[in-house]
């Protein structure tokens, strides 16, 4: 069965434009960095992270999306099917493996692309929720999600706050949001958010900060927007308003060495790959694979195996996103 949901014309961003979240004058990344998984450019031992526990298992439901954002780290668009749609059977096999391995996984996450482009998303959500785990869905809340209104209400009525929908609002202003996500993307996103709120869903927001904005300024901006919308959401709760750092992989960033943990007063356990993994299915592949995290789905060095048991080892922090997003940015998708 063809699992593709038809794409729609909302918010098509032009690839020729420049994302408001990219600083063109910033120093570019030295191409000699992040080459050796064992050592950094200056020969220092590269930081490595061990899996503390598999708290969150992510499923990438496919890279197809109804819009094309300018700085999407995974390059989702109506045409990018580099990661194919997962099937329900492929997804539930990993739930079975969690049980077989006795893992203490608390959360199942769904990301894309736009997860609601995959026609199997509702059975997947139901399978996850039936295990008693918190189930998080990342969505732009636009037309693909709205196709499943009745089914979503049914799931909410049955499982309550175990189902969380995290809506992407790249900024608290229409101008910046649409500069990133395309013209006419603001109103449909707000309409979808309003529908979720009116129907009593557990909601979170994924936002971003412009380069010159402080976190305090950004949270205050979102607070004003939510007040205008009549949306009750605590902007100071980092699980309800997630503010992601810059994701420009071409911008210079320090490599993370073993010594950085002490210098930065951080624990390796604070990094996303200490507590999560993601399942992807590459186009043309016979079966899915498990990758280290949500940020590196295309880099073969972060593919850890076909099963969870093969993916429970260590991960060298050998990618700009490891430094910028996780260690220095202090961010996590979970």
Protein backbone atom coordinates (compact mmCIF):
# COMPACT_ATOMS: atom_id res chain seq x y z
CA UNK A 1 0.00 0.00 0.00
CA UNK A 2 1.24 3.47 -0.82
CA UNK A 3 1.68 5.22 2.55
CA UNK A 4 2.26 8.68 1.14
CA UNK A 5 -0.05 11.47 2.19
CA UNK A 6 -0.42 14.02 -0.59
CA UNK A 7 1.78 17.08 -0.20
CA UNK A 8 0.18 20.48 0.06
CA UNK A 9 1.30 23.90 -1.05
CA UNK A 10 1.52 25.68 2.28
CA UNK A 11 4.69 27.51 3.15
CA UNK A 12 7.04 26.57 0.36
CA UNK A 13 10.36 28.19 1.17
CA UNK A 14 12.74 29.16 -1.61
CA UNK A 15 16.16 27.53 -1.52
CA UNK A 16 17.70 30.71 -2.94
CA UNK A 17 16.84 32.72 0.18
CA UNK A 18 18.97 32.93 3.31
CA UNK A 19 17.62 31.57 6.57
CA UNK A 20 17.22 34.18 9.33
CA UNK A 21 18.91 31.67 11.65
CA UNK A 22 22.16 31.60 9.65
CA UNK A 23 24.81 34.29 10.09
CA UNK A 24 26.62 34.61 6.73
CA UNK A 25 29.49 36.63 8.21
CA UNK A 26 30.30 34.01 10.86
CA UNK A 27 33.63 32.14 10.53
CA UNK A 28 33.33 29.00 8.44
CA UNK A 29 34.23 25.58 9.77
CA UNK A 30 37.80 24.41 9.19
CA UNK A 31 37.36 21.38 6.87
CA UNK A 32 40.13 19.54 8.75
CA UNK A 33 37.98 19.36 11.87
CA UNK A 34 35.74 16.40 12.77
CA UNK A 35 37.68 14.00 10.56
CA UNK A 36 39.11 11.44 12.99
CA UNK A 37 36.75 9.80 15.51
CA UNK A 38 39.67 9.19 17.86
CA UNK A 39 41.39 12.57 18.01
CA UNK A 40 40.66 16.23 17.31
CA UNK A 41 42.58 18.43 14.87
CA UNK A 42 45.19 19.30 17.53
CA UNK A 43 45.71 15.64 18.41
CA UNK A 44 43.74 15.64 21.67
CA UNK A 45 41.64 12.58 22.55
CA UNK A 46 38.13 13.15 21.23
CA UNK A 47 35.28 12.99 23.74
CA UNK A 48 33.27 9.78 23.62
CA UNK A 49 29.84 9.22 25.17
CA UNK A 50 28.55 5.92 26.51
CA UNK A 51 24.88 5.08 26.55
CA UNK A 52 23.78 5.52 30.18
CA UNK A 53 20.28 4.19 29.50
CA UNK A 54 17.93 4.21 26.54
CA UNK A 55 15.47 6.71 27.99
CA UNK A 56 14.11 7.79 24.58
CA UNK A 57 13.84 5.86 21.33
CA UNK A 58 13.10 8.04 18.32
CA UNK A 59 11.54 6.88 15.08
CA UNK A 60 12.12 8.92 11.95
CA UNK A 61 8.94 8.23 10.03
CA UNK A 62 10.43 9.49 6.75
CA UNK A 63 11.99 12.72 5.47
CA UNK A 64 9.08 13.80 3.26
CA UNK A 65 7.44 16.99 4.52
CA UNK A 66 4.74 19.33 3.28
CA UNK A 67 7.10 22.32 3.50
CA UNK A 68 10.79 22.98 2.84
CA UNK A 69 12.48 25.05 5.55
CA UNK A 70 15.66 26.90 4.63
CA UNK A 71 17.89 25.50 7.38
CA UNK A 72 16.30 22.13 8.10
CA UNK A 73 19.14 19.99 9.45
CA UNK A 74 17.63 16.87 7.89
CA UNK A 75 16.71 18.61 4.61
CA UNK A 76 13.06 17.56 4.78
CA UNK A 77 10.92 18.66 1.86
CA UNK A 78 8.08 17.47 -0.39
CA UNK A 79 10.73 15.77 -2.55
CA UNK A 80 13.36 14.42 -0.16
CA UNK A 81 12.66 10.75 0.49
CA UNK A 82 16.24 9.88 1.44
CA UNK A 83 14.73 8.34 4.56
CA UNK A 84 11.77 6.20 3.57
CA UNK A 85 8.51 5.79 5.40
CA UNK A 86 8.74 3.33 8.29
CA UNK A 87 6.04 0.67 8.43
CA UNK A 88 4.08 -0.27 11.53
CA UNK A 89 5.71 -3.70 11.59
CA UNK A 90 9.20 -2.24 11.43
CA UNK A 91 8.41 0.14 14.27
CA UNK A 92 6.80 -2.42 16.57
CA UNK A 93 9.75 -4.79 16.13
CA UNK A 94 11.85 -2.27 18.08
CA UNK A 95 9.20 -2.02 20.79
CA UNK A 96 9.42 -5.80 21.08
CA UNK A 97 13.21 -5.56 21.33
CA UNK A 98 12.95 -3.00 24.15
CA UNK A 99 10.89 -5.54 26.07
CA UNK A 100 13.18 -8.45 25.20
CA UNK A 101 16.27 -6.56 26.35
CA UNK A 102 14.60 -5.31 29.51
CA UNK A 103 15.40 -1.67 28.67
CA UNK A 104 13.91 1.05 30.88
CA UNK A 105 12.79 3.21 27.96
CA UNK A 106 10.34 5.86 29.18
CA UNK A 107 9.62 7.78 25.99
CA UNK A 108 8.99 7.06 22.33
CA UNK A 109 9.49 9.99 19.94
CA UNK A 110 8.33 10.43 16.35
CA UNK A 111 10.01 12.89 14.00
CA UNK A 112 10.45 13.38 10.27
CA UNK A 113 10.04 15.01 7.87
CA UNK A 114 6.50 15.59 8.99
CA UNK A 115 5.34 12.46 10.83
CA UNK A 116 1.75 12.93 9.71
CA UNK A 117 2.85 12.51 6.09
CA UNK A 118 3.24 8.80 6.91
CA UNK A 119 -0.21 7.20 6.66
CA UNK A 120 0.76 4.63 9.31
CA UNK A 121 1.38 7.28 11.97
CA UNK A 122 -1.85 6.72 13.92
CA UNK A 123 -1.31 2.93 14.34
CA UNK A 124 2.30 3.69 15.31
CA UNK A 125 1.19 6.17 17.97
CA UNK A 126 -1.36 3.70 19.26
CA UNK A 127 1.25 0.92 19.45
CA UNK A 128 3.59 3.19 21.41
CA UNK A 129 0.90 4.46 23.78
CA UNK A 130 -0.34 0.92 24.41
CA UNK A 131 3.02 0.11 26.01
CA UNK A 132 2.36 2.77 28.66
CA UNK A 133 5.17 5.02 27.49
CA UNK A 134 5.08 8.77 27.01
CA UNK A 135 4.75 9.37 23.28
CA UNK A 136 6.07 12.58 21.72
CA UNK A 137 5.26 13.67 18.17
CA UNK A 138 7.11 16.53 16.43
CA UNK A 139 4.81 18.26 13.95
CA UNK A 140 4.29 21.54 12.13
CA UNK A 141 0.53 21.20 12.97
CA UNK A 142 -0.42 21.96 9.37
CA UNK A 143 -2.67 20.09 6.95
CA UNK A 144 -1.07 16.63 7.23
CA UNK A 145 -1.83 16.59 10.97
CA UNK A 146 -5.34 17.96 10.47
CA UNK A 147 -6.20 14.98 8.25
CA UNK A 148 -6.15 12.83 11.41
CA UNK A 149 -8.21 14.99 13.75
CA UNK A 150 -10.74 12.32 14.70
CA UNK A 151 -8.12 9.65 15.28
CA UNK A 152 -5.98 12.00 17.36
CA UNK A 153 -8.92 12.94 19.56
CA UNK A 154 -9.65 9.24 20.08
CA UNK A 155 -6.04 8.63 21.16
CA UNK A 156 -6.11 11.64 23.46
CA UNK A 157 -9.36 10.51 25.05
CA UNK A 158 -7.90 7.06 25.68
CA UNK A 159 -4.34 7.92 26.74
CA UNK A 160 -4.58 11.51 27.97
CA UNK A 161 -1.35 13.39 28.62
CA UNK A 162 0.81 10.41 27.64
CA UNK A 163 0.42 11.77 24.09
CA UNK A 164 2.34 15.01 23.57
CA UNK A 165 2.39 17.01 20.34
CA UNK A 166 5.33 19.38 20.00
CA UNK A 167 4.53 22.05 17.45
CA UNK A 168 7.32 23.80 15.55
CA UNK A 169 7.05 27.59 15.70
CA UNK A 170 10.44 28.81 14.59
CA UNK A 171 9.86 32.26 16.07
CA UNK A 172 7.25 34.24 17.93
CA UNK A 173 6.92 36.63 14.98
CA UNK A 174 5.27 35.80 11.69
CA UNK A 175 8.00 37.54 9.67
CA UNK A 176 10.86 35.40 11.01
CA UNK A 177 8.85 32.18 11.05
CA UNK A 178 7.84 32.61 7.41
CA UNK A 179 11.33 33.74 6.37
CA UNK A 180 12.46 30.27 7.50
CA UNK A 181 9.40 28.17 6.64
CA UNK A 182 7.91 29.93 3.64
CA UNK A 183 5.07 32.31 2.88
CA UNK A 184 1.66 31.41 4.30
CA UNK A 185 3.10 28.93 6.80
CA UNK A 186 2.27 31.00 9.91
CA UNK A 187 -1.53 31.01 9.89
CA UNK A 188 -1.94 27.24 9.27
CA UNK A 189 0.50 26.46 12.07
CA UNK A 190 -1.35 28.72 14.51
CA UNK A 191 -4.67 27.23 13.41
CA UNK A 192 -3.38 23.72 14.07
CA UNK A 193 -2.02 24.79 17.44
CA UNK A 194 -5.37 26.38 18.33
CA UNK A 195 -7.18 23.16 17.36
CA UNK A 196 -4.89 21.10 19.62
CA UNK A 197 -5.44 23.49 22.53
CA UNK A 198 -9.21 23.62 22.04
CA UNK A 199 -9.38 19.83 22.12
CA UNK A 200 -7.35 19.46 25.30
CA UNK A 201 -4.14 17.95 23.94
CA UNK A 202 -0.89 18.04 25.86
CA UNK A 203 1.15 20.56 23.86
CA UNK A 204 4.77 21.67 23.67
CA UNK A 205 6.41 24.20 21.36
CA UNK A 206 9.74 23.93 19.57
CA UNK A 207 11.19 27.37 18.91
CA UNK A 208 14.49 28.98 17.99
CA UNK A 209 16.45 32.06 18.87
CA UNK A 210 17.94 34.52 16.43
CA UNK A 211 21.67 34.99 16.79
CA UNK A 212 21.39 38.29 18.64
CA UNK A 213 18.50 37.25 20.88
CA UNK A 214 18.94 36.22 24.50
CA UNK A 215 16.98 33.29 25.83
CA UNK A 216 15.08 35.65 28.13
CA UNK A 217 14.03 37.83 25.17
CA UNK A 218 12.89 34.80 23.19
CA UNK A 219 10.85 33.33 26.05
CA UNK A 220 9.23 36.70 26.69
CA UNK A 221 8.34 36.95 23.00
CA UNK A 222 6.70 33.54 23.02
CA UNK A 223 4.88 34.41 26.25
CA UNK A 224 3.35 37.47 24.57
CA UNK A 225 2.30 35.39 21.56
CA UNK A 226 0.71 32.70 23.71
CA UNK A 227 -1.15 35.31 25.74
CA UNK A 228 -2.50 36.79 22.51
CA UNK A 229 -3.62 33.33 21.39
CA UNK A 230 -5.13 32.47 24.77
CA UNK A 231 -2.77 29.50 25.03
CA UNK A 232 -1.84 28.43 28.54
CA UNK A 233 1.72 27.24 28.34
CA UNK A 234 4.55 27.88 30.81
CA UNK A 235 7.32 29.44 28.71
CA UNK A 236 9.80 28.91 31.55
CA UNK A 237 9.30 25.14 31.49
CA UNK A 238 12.01 23.88 29.08
CA UNK A 239 9.95 20.78 28.30
CA UNK A 240 7.01 22.93 27.15
CA UNK A 241 8.96 25.58 25.26
CA UNK A 242 12.09 24.05 23.79
CA UNK A 243 14.45 26.67 22.35
CA UNK A 244 16.94 25.09 19.99
CA UNK A 245 20.38 26.59 19.33
CA UNK A 246 21.80 27.37 15.92
CA UNK A 247 22.14 24.38 13.58
CA UNK A 248 24.46 25.81 10.90
CA UNK A 249 26.84 22.89 10.30
CA UNK A 250 29.12 25.10 8.16
CA UNK A 251 29.80 27.58 10.98
CA UNK A 252 33.00 27.15 12.99
CA UNK A 253 32.75 25.44 16.37
CA UNK A 254 35.35 23.91 18.71
CA UNK A 255 35.84 20.17 18.75
CA UNK A 256 35.04 18.45 22.04
CA UNK A 257 37.95 16.70 23.75
CA UNK A 258 38.01 14.50 26.84
CA UNK A 259 39.33 17.48 28.78
CA UNK A 260 36.26 19.57 27.87
CA UNK A 261 34.08 17.75 30.39
CA UNK A 262 36.12 19.20 33.24
CA UNK A 263 36.64 22.58 31.58
CA UNK A 264 32.92 23.01 30.93
CA UNK A 265 31.83 21.33 34.19
CA UNK A 266 29.65 18.94 32.24
CA UNK A 267 29.02 15.22 32.45
CA UNK A 268 28.93 13.00 29.35
CA UNK A 269 25.57 11.81 30.67
CA UNK A 270 24.12 15.24 29.81
CA UNK A 271 24.56 14.68 26.06
CA UNK A 272 21.67 13.30 24.01
CA UNK A 273 23.49 10.17 22.81
CA UNK A 274 23.89 9.09 26.45
CA UNK A 275 20.15 8.49 26.67
CA UNK A 276 18.62 8.14 23.19
CA UNK A 277 18.86 6.51 19.78
CA UNK A 278 16.89 6.92 16.52
CA UNK A 279 15.57 4.38 14.04
CA UNK A 280 15.72 5.35 10.34
CA UNK A 281 15.09 3.53 7.09
CA UNK A 282 17.30 4.63 4.22
CA UNK A 283 15.80 4.72 0.75
CA UNK A 284 16.34 1.35 -0.90
CA UNK A 285 17.45 -0.37 2.31
CA UNK A 286 16.01 -3.77 3.13
CA UNK A 287 15.52 -2.92 6.79
CA UNK A 288 15.82 0.00 9.20
CA UNK A 289 18.97 0.97 11.07
CA UNK A 290 19.67 2.54 14.45
CA UNK A 291 21.66 5.78 14.50
CA UNK A 292 23.24 7.59 17.42
CA UNK A 293 20.81 10.49 17.61
CA UNK A 294 18.27 12.59 15.75
CA UNK A 295 20.88 15.04 14.40
CA UNK A 296 23.13 12.76 12.35
CA UNK A 297 20.89 10.50 10.24
CA UNK A 298 22.96 10.75 7.06
CA UNK A 299 26.48 10.35 8.47
CA UNK A 300 27.48 6.66 8.17
CA UNK A 301 29.85 6.83 11.14
CA UNK A 302 26.81 7.29 13.41
CA UNK A 303 24.97 4.21 12.12
CA UNK A 304 25.32 1.71 14.96
CA UNK A 305 23.58 -1.38 13.67
CA UNK A 306 20.24 -2.83 12.64
CA UNK A 307 19.08 -3.66 16.16
CA UNK A 308 19.02 -1.93 19.51
CA UNK A 309 21.35 -4.53 20.99
CA UNK A 310 23.95 -3.52 18.40
CA UNK A 311 23.45 0.18 19.15
CA UNK A 312 24.02 0.29 22.91
CA UNK A 313 27.72 1.19 22.76
CA UNK A 314 29.74 4.41 22.72
CA UNK A 315 29.57 7.37 20.34
CA UNK A 316 32.56 9.61 19.45
CA UNK A 317 31.51 13.29 19.29
CA UNK A 318 32.80 13.63 15.73
CA UNK A 319 30.28 16.03 14.19
CA UNK A 320 29.75 19.82 14.43
CA UNK A 321 26.24 19.24 15.79
CA UNK A 322 27.71 17.25 18.70
CA UNK A 323 29.57 20.37 19.78
CA UNK A 324 27.19 23.15 18.77
CA UNK A 325 23.84 21.63 19.65
CA UNK A 326 24.50 19.17 22.46
CA UNK A 327 27.62 20.08 24.42
CA UNK A 328 27.93 23.85 23.98
CA UNK A 329 24.24 24.44 23.18
CA UNK A 330 23.02 22.26 26.05
CA UNK A 331 20.08 21.12 23.93
CA UNK A 332 18.26 17.83 23.53
CA UNK A 333 15.41 16.73 21.28
CA UNK A 334 13.89 14.71 24.15
